[in-house]
Amino acid sequence: PPAPPAAEGVDRTSIRGLLRWFAVWRSGREQEAGSFAQVGRDLGLDPEAKLRDYQAAMPAAVAAGALETCLLPGWNVLVWESPADLAAALSGFVRRRFGDASPPSAAAPTAPSLRSLLPVGPVKARLFRLAARTAGGAAATAADLEEFREVLAELEARNPTPRAASSALLNGEWDQCFTNNPAGGVVWSDGRTARRKLLGPPPSPLAALPLTGRVTQLVDLSVGEYRQRVQSRALGLRAELRAAVAPTEDGEAWEVAFRSFTFSAAAGRLPLRARETSGYEGVWRHSYVDADTRVMRTRKKGADDEWVFVLRRAVK
């Protein structure tokens, strides 16, 4: 058969040129691909050549010593690279170019990490399935809790919100769907909402009734207020804890002080009992926050235990 055509440059700025880029050499009824060096280069078949092309396109950066290149596993396209390898390469360049230290600035937001740009939907879906399977954490086994820690680490690594504890995204009502706190009183969850025991304040006879309610958190940073609410369908009974919250200097956590506990009927319209609850102080860190999901890690001051709460934006 005749030899395929010699390699040639192809103009890809026109329709005709693009068609020639995908041209093939035909011999009778047989069809063999043409040998176009440009096609191979553009598709990344010769990574070294791509690096040389990249460097040649930025002579000023090369002259200034500000350009570094390296080969990573993948398709030489950002979205297909190994995230861990790419992150390590970029981090190494930043350290070599700018040094490890940078002037601290509490007011300046930090840039989102590279991993935060990766798809988060599958990670959330796995977390919510785990919440449903374990009744919001109430029925979690040791293996479930280990899986929870792994999935949570994946989600927190993708946190898109710097200084999350001071973000306006926190405002509004949130459904609790999972916690690893065995004292949380949770009895059921479908991965979207959760229910916990509703305990009336003693010596109320309601304290002995097997009542449960939807557990939510309500945040209003404009007045520095946090409320945890358990709302029952029975008589509209409601238990609500109120606390004062203030973002820490780094904007990553709240300083928390409990203020009051109220118990009411008719969805809060009929007060039954109220008492002060001062005495608890803690630091609650927000490790993941976006428009519809948040993760809060709570620790009482002076205590070693840290409890994690996963919440979803409440849907009426």
Protein backbone atom coordinates (compact mmCIF):
# COMPACT_ATOMS: atom_id res chain seq x y z
CA PRO A 1 0.00 0.00 0.00
CA PRO A 2 1.14 3.57 -0.53
CA ALA A 3 2.82 5.30 2.40
CA PRO A 4 0.66 7.60 4.57
CA PRO A 5 1.10 11.33 4.03
CA ALA A 6 3.93 13.11 5.78
CA ALA A 7 3.19 14.95 9.01
CA GLU A 8 2.08 18.49 8.51
CA GLY A 9 0.74 21.40 10.47
CA VAL A 10 -3.02 21.80 10.42
CA ASP A 11 -4.91 25.06 10.69
CA ARG A 12 -7.50 24.51 13.43
CA THR A 13 -8.99 28.00 13.18
CA SER A 14 -11.32 26.99 10.34
CA ILE A 15 -13.87 24.25 9.73
CA ARG A 16 -11.82 22.89 6.85
CA GLY A 17 -8.70 22.82 8.98
CA LEU A 18 -10.48 20.96 11.78
CA LEU A 19 -11.73 18.37 9.32
CA ARG A 20 -8.18 17.86 8.03
CA TRP A 21 -6.99 17.43 11.64
CA PHE A 22 -9.20 14.31 11.83
CA ALA A 23 -8.40 13.13 8.28
CA VAL A 24 -7.44 9.50 7.59
CA TRP A 25 -5.46 7.84 4.80
CA ARG A 26 -7.55 5.48 2.64
CA SER A 27 -6.17 2.64 0.58
CA GLY A 28 -8.82 0.76 -1.37
CA ARG A 29 -11.32 -0.50 1.16
CA GLU A 30 -8.83 -0.42 4.01
CA GLN A 31 -8.65 2.58 6.24
CA GLU A 32 -5.64 3.49 8.34
CA ALA A 33 -5.10 6.57 10.43
CA GLY A 34 -2.94 9.26 8.96
CA SER A 35 0.34 10.08 10.71
CA PHE A 36 -0.06 13.66 11.85
CA ALA A 37 2.59 14.75 14.34
CA GLN A 38 0.43 17.71 15.37
CA VAL A 39 -2.44 15.43 16.37
CA GLY A 40 -0.16 13.39 18.61
CA ARG A 41 1.30 16.50 20.18
CA ASP A 42 -2.08 18.10 20.81
CA LEU A 43 -3.47 14.92 22.36
CA GLY A 44 -0.53 14.66 24.72
CA LEU A 45 1.19 11.62 23.23
CA ASP A 46 4.55 13.33 23.74
CA PRO A 47 4.38 15.10 27.14
CA GLU A 48 7.94 16.40 26.88
CA ALA A 49 7.02 18.20 23.66
CA LYS A 50 4.02 19.76 25.37
CA LEU A 51 6.24 21.04 28.16
CA ARG A 52 8.61 22.59 25.64
CA ASP A 53 5.68 24.24 23.84
CA TYR A 54 4.40 25.57 27.14
CA GLN A 55 7.76 27.05 28.06
CA ALA A 56 8.25 28.55 24.61
CA ALA A 57 4.94 30.40 24.94
CA MET A 58 6.16 32.29 28.04
CA PRO A 59 9.70 33.48 27.37
CA ALA A 60 9.48 36.31 29.92
CA ALA A 61 8.56 33.93 32.71
CA VAL A 62 11.39 31.60 31.72
CA ALA A 63 13.88 34.49 31.67
CA ALA A 64 12.72 35.61 35.13
CA GLY A 65 13.11 32.11 36.54
CA ALA A 66 9.43 32.09 37.50
CA LEU A 67 8.40 29.04 35.48
CA GLU A 68 8.65 25.45 36.61
CA THR A 69 7.27 22.38 34.86
CA CYS A 70 6.83 18.79 35.90
CA LEU A 71 5.08 15.71 34.55
CA LEU A 72 2.17 14.23 36.50
CA PRO A 73 0.13 11.08 35.92
CA GLY A 74 -2.97 11.85 33.87
CA TRP A 75 -4.05 13.39 30.60
CA ASN A 76 -2.18 16.68 30.97
CA VAL A 77 -5.54 18.33 31.51
CA LEU A 78 -6.17 19.82 34.96
CA VAL A 79 -9.43 18.03 35.71
CA TRP A 80 -7.94 14.62 34.87
CA GLU A 81 -4.74 14.90 36.88
CA SER A 82 -4.22 13.02 40.13
CA PRO A 83 -5.46 15.55 42.75
CA ALA A 84 -2.89 14.47 45.34
CA ASP A 85 0.03 14.71 42.90
CA LEU A 86 -1.18 18.02 41.53
CA ALA A 87 -1.67 19.50 44.99
CA ALA A 88 1.81 18.37 46.05
CA ALA A 89 3.37 19.86 42.91
CA LEU A 90 1.60 23.20 43.34
CA SER A 91 2.41 23.35 47.06
CA GLY A 92 6.06 22.64 46.36
CA PHE A 93 6.22 25.42 43.77
CA VAL A 94 4.60 27.93 46.15
CA ARG A 95 7.09 27.06 48.89
CA ARG A 96 10.08 27.35 46.57
CA ARG A 97 8.85 30.52 44.96
CA PHE A 98 7.43 32.42 47.92
CA GLY A 99 8.76 30.63 51.01
CA ASP A 100 6.85 28.96 53.82
CA ALA A 101 6.07 32.06 55.81
CA SER A 102 3.60 34.72 54.81
CA PRO A 103 2.39 37.71 56.83
CA PRO A 104 -0.65 36.60 58.86
CA SER A 105 -3.84 38.51 58.29
CA ALA A 106 -6.92 37.64 60.30
CA ALA A 107 -9.07 39.81 58.09
CA ALA A 108 -7.93 38.44 54.75
CA PRO A 109 -9.90 35.39 53.54
CA THR A 110 -7.84 32.41 52.51
CA ALA A 111 -8.12 30.95 49.04
CA PRO A 112 -10.05 27.68 48.76
CA SER A 113 -7.88 24.58 48.68
CA LEU A 114 -7.40 22.68 45.45
CA ARG A 115 -9.45 19.77 46.78
CA SER A 116 -12.35 22.15 47.50
CA LEU A 117 -12.74 22.50 43.72
CA LEU A 118 -13.47 18.79 43.29
CA PRO A 119 -17.06 17.49 43.11
CA VAL A 120 -18.66 17.36 46.55
CA GLY A 121 -22.05 15.87 45.67
CA PRO A 122 -21.00 12.20 45.88
CA VAL A 123 -19.31 12.80 49.25
CA LYS A 124 -22.44 14.44 50.67
CA ALA A 125 -24.65 11.66 49.30
CA ARG A 126 -22.51 9.03 51.01
CA LEU A 127 -22.66 10.95 54.29
CA PHE A 128 -26.45 11.33 54.16
CA ARG A 129 -26.88 7.62 53.34
CA LEU A 130 -24.78 6.81 56.38
CA ALA A 131 -26.99 9.10 58.49
CA ALA A 132 -30.13 7.29 57.32
CA ARG A 133 -28.61 3.84 57.83
CA THR A 134 -27.54 4.60 61.41
CA ALA A 135 -30.65 6.51 62.60
CA GLY A 136 -28.73 9.76 62.67
CA GLY A 137 -25.86 8.18 64.57
CA ALA A 138 -27.98 6.56 67.29
CA ALA A 139 -27.45 3.06 65.88
CA ALA A 140 -23.91 3.60 64.58
CA THR A 141 -21.45 0.76 65.11
CA ALA A 142 -17.70 1.19 65.51
CA ALA A 143 -17.34 0.43 61.79
CA ASP A 144 -20.00 3.04 60.96
CA LEU A 145 -18.20 5.67 63.02
CA GLU A 146 -14.91 4.86 61.28
CA GLU A 147 -16.64 5.28 57.92
CA PHE A 148 -18.14 8.53 59.20
CA ARG A 149 -14.69 9.87 60.05
CA GLU A 150 -13.37 8.96 56.60
CA VAL A 151 -16.26 10.54 54.72
CA LEU A 152 -16.21 13.59 56.96
CA ALA A 153 -12.51 14.12 56.24
CA GLU A 154 -13.28 14.04 52.51
CA LEU A 155 -16.04 16.62 52.94
CA GLU A 156 -14.07 18.94 55.21
CA ALA A 157 -11.15 18.90 52.77
CA ARG A 158 -13.54 20.43 50.22
CA ASN A 159 -14.78 23.26 52.48
CA PRO A 160 -15.47 26.19 50.12
CA THR A 161 -16.06 28.82 52.82
CA PRO A 162 -13.11 30.58 54.50
CA ARG A 163 -13.78 31.98 57.99
CA ALA A 164 -16.87 29.81 58.01
CA ALA A 165 -18.00 30.67 61.56
CA SER A 166 -18.58 34.28 60.56
CA SER A 167 -20.20 33.53 57.20
CA ALA A 168 -23.74 34.73 56.53
CA LEU A 169 -24.39 31.28 55.05
CA LEU A 170 -24.89 30.07 58.63
CA ASN A 171 -28.00 32.18 59.15
CA GLY A 172 -31.36 30.44 59.06
CA GLU A 173 -32.76 27.10 60.15
CA TRP A 174 -30.87 23.81 59.81
CA ASP A 175 -31.98 20.21 60.24
CA GLN A 176 -29.65 17.98 62.20
CA CYS A 177 -29.18 14.70 60.32
CA PHE A 178 -26.23 13.06 62.10
CA THR A 179 -24.20 13.28 65.30
CA ASN A 180 -21.66 11.01 66.95
CA ASN A 181 -22.71 12.28 70.40
CA PRO A 182 -24.25 9.34 72.29
CA ALA A 183 -25.97 11.77 74.67
CA GLY A 184 -27.67 13.60 71.83
CA GLY A 185 -30.95 11.76 72.30
CA VAL A 186 -31.43 11.08 68.58
CA VAL A 187 -33.80 8.19 67.82
CA TRP A 188 -34.39 8.43 64.05
CA SER A 189 -33.08 10.00 60.85
CA ASP A 190 -33.73 9.58 57.14
CA GLY A 191 -30.58 11.49 56.18
CA ARG A 192 -32.61 14.64 55.62
CA THR A 193 -34.05 15.32 59.10
CA ALA A 194 -33.75 13.72 62.53
CA ARG A 195 -35.89 13.24 65.59
CA ARG A 196 -34.76 13.15 69.21
CA LYS A 197 -36.33 12.62 72.59
CA LEU A 198 -38.38 15.53 73.85
CA LEU A 199 -37.86 15.82 77.59
CA GLY A 200 -40.02 18.20 79.52
CA PRO A 201 -38.25 19.88 82.43
CA PRO A 202 -38.73 17.97 85.70
CA PRO A 203 -40.86 17.74 87.75
CA SER A 204 -43.19 18.01 84.73
CA PRO A 205 -45.10 14.74 84.08
CA LEU A 206 -44.23 15.25 80.39
CA ALA A 207 -40.68 14.24 81.20
CA ALA A 208 -41.78 10.62 81.48
CA LEU A 209 -43.71 10.52 78.19
CA PRO A 210 -42.09 8.88 75.11
CA LEU A 211 -42.27 12.03 73.01
CA THR A 212 -39.93 12.84 70.14
CA GLY A 213 -39.51 15.90 67.94
CA ARG A 214 -37.73 17.22 64.88
CA VAL A 215 -34.36 18.65 65.93
CA THR A 216 -33.16 21.83 64.23
CA GLN A 217 -30.70 24.63 64.82
CA LEU A 218 -31.50 28.29 64.17
CA VAL A 219 -28.71 30.82 63.70
CA ASP A 220 -28.85 34.62 63.59
CA LEU A 221 -25.34 36.05 63.56
CA SER A 222 -26.67 39.62 63.36
CA VAL A 223 -27.62 39.33 67.04
CA GLY A 224 -25.14 36.60 67.97
CA GLU A 225 -27.82 34.02 68.78
CA TYR A 226 -27.99 30.25 68.38
CA ARG A 227 -31.06 28.14 69.18
CA GLN A 228 -31.41 24.38 69.28
CA ARG A 229 -35.05 23.38 68.94
CA VAL A 230 -36.90 20.09 69.32
CA GLN A 231 -40.41 20.42 67.89
CA SER A 232 -43.00 17.72 68.52
CA ARG A 233 -46.25 17.19 66.65
CA ALA A 234 -48.01 16.35 69.91
CA LEU A 235 -49.74 19.55 71.14
CA GLY A 236 -47.04 21.54 69.39
CA LEU A 237 -44.70 20.89 72.31
CA ARG A 238 -41.33 22.57 71.88
CA ALA A 239 -38.06 22.52 73.82
CA GLU A 240 -35.56 25.22 72.93
CA LEU A 241 -32.06 26.00 74.11
CA ARG A 242 -30.69 29.49 73.49
CA ALA A 243 -27.03 30.44 73.48
CA ALA A 244 -24.91 33.48 72.73
CA VAL A 245 -22.31 32.95 70.01
CA ALA A 246 -19.42 35.11 68.81
CA PRO A 247 -16.93 34.21 66.06
CA THR A 248 -13.34 33.73 67.18
CA GLU A 249 -10.63 36.02 65.82
CA ASP A 250 -9.70 33.58 63.05
CA GLY A 251 -13.35 33.26 62.00
CA GLU A 252 -13.27 29.45 62.14
CA ALA A 253 -15.17 28.85 65.39
CA TRP A 254 -17.71 30.27 67.83
CA GLU A 255 -17.24 31.13 71.47
CA VAL A 256 -20.47 29.75 72.93
CA ALA A 257 -22.27 30.44 76.22
CA PHE A 258 -25.64 28.90 77.08
CA ARG A 259 -28.30 31.38 78.19
CA SER A 260 -31.74 29.82 78.65
CA PHE A 261 -33.96 26.81 78.16
CA THR A 262 -37.68 27.11 77.42
CA PHE A 263 -40.48 24.58 77.19
CA SER A 264 -43.73 25.52 75.49
CA ALA A 265 -46.83 24.26 73.68
CA ALA A 266 -48.63 25.36 70.53
CA ALA A 267 -45.29 25.73 68.69
CA GLY A 268 -43.96 28.28 71.16
CA ARG A 269 -47.11 30.35 71.55
CA LEU A 270 -47.95 28.95 75.00
CA PRO A 271 -44.97 29.16 77.40
CA LEU A 272 -44.90 26.42 80.03
CA ARG A 273 -41.54 26.83 81.70
CA ALA A 274 -38.28 28.73 81.33
CA ARG A 275 -35.00 28.67 83.20
CA GLU A 276 -31.52 30.10 82.94
CA THR A 277 -28.83 27.69 81.79
CA SER A 278 -25.68 29.72 82.30
CA GLY A 279 -22.62 27.68 83.13
CA TYR A 280 -21.84 25.94 79.84
CA GLU A 281 -19.12 27.53 77.74
CA GLY A 282 -17.53 25.99 74.70
CA VAL A 283 -15.78 26.42 71.38
CA TRP A 284 -17.70 25.19 68.35
CA ARG A 285 -15.75 24.97 65.12
CA HIS A 286 -17.34 25.05 61.67
CA SER A 287 -15.28 22.74 59.49
CA TYR A 288 -17.57 22.74 56.44
CA VAL A 289 -20.17 25.30 55.33
CA ASP A 290 -21.93 25.82 52.03
CA ALA A 291 -25.43 26.91 51.00
CA ASP A 292 -27.15 23.69 52.08
CA THR A 293 -24.77 21.68 54.29
CA ARG A 294 -22.70 22.41 57.37
CA VAL A 295 -20.51 20.48 59.78
CA MET A 296 -19.98 21.71 63.34
CA ARG A 297 -17.46 20.29 65.83
CA THR A 298 -18.29 21.16 69.44
CA ARG A 299 -16.10 21.03 72.53
CA LYS A 300 -16.90 22.18 76.05
CA LYS A 301 -14.18 24.34 77.55
CA GLY A 302 -11.87 22.23 79.66
CA ALA A 303 -13.15 18.95 78.15
CA ASP A 304 -11.36 16.54 75.83
CA ASP A 305 -14.38 15.12 74.00
CA GLU A 306 -15.36 16.66 70.67
CA TRP A 307 -18.77 15.98 69.16
CA VAL A 308 -19.65 16.39 65.49
CA PHE A 309 -22.98 17.53 64.08
CA VAL A 310 -23.92 17.31 60.40
CA LEU A 311 -26.75 19.59 59.32
CA ARG A 312 -28.74 20.36 56.18
CA ARG A 313 -30.59 23.56 55.29
CA ALA A 314 -34.16 23.14 56.54
CA VAL A 315 -36.88 22.74 53.95
CA LYS A 316 -40.34 23.84 55.05
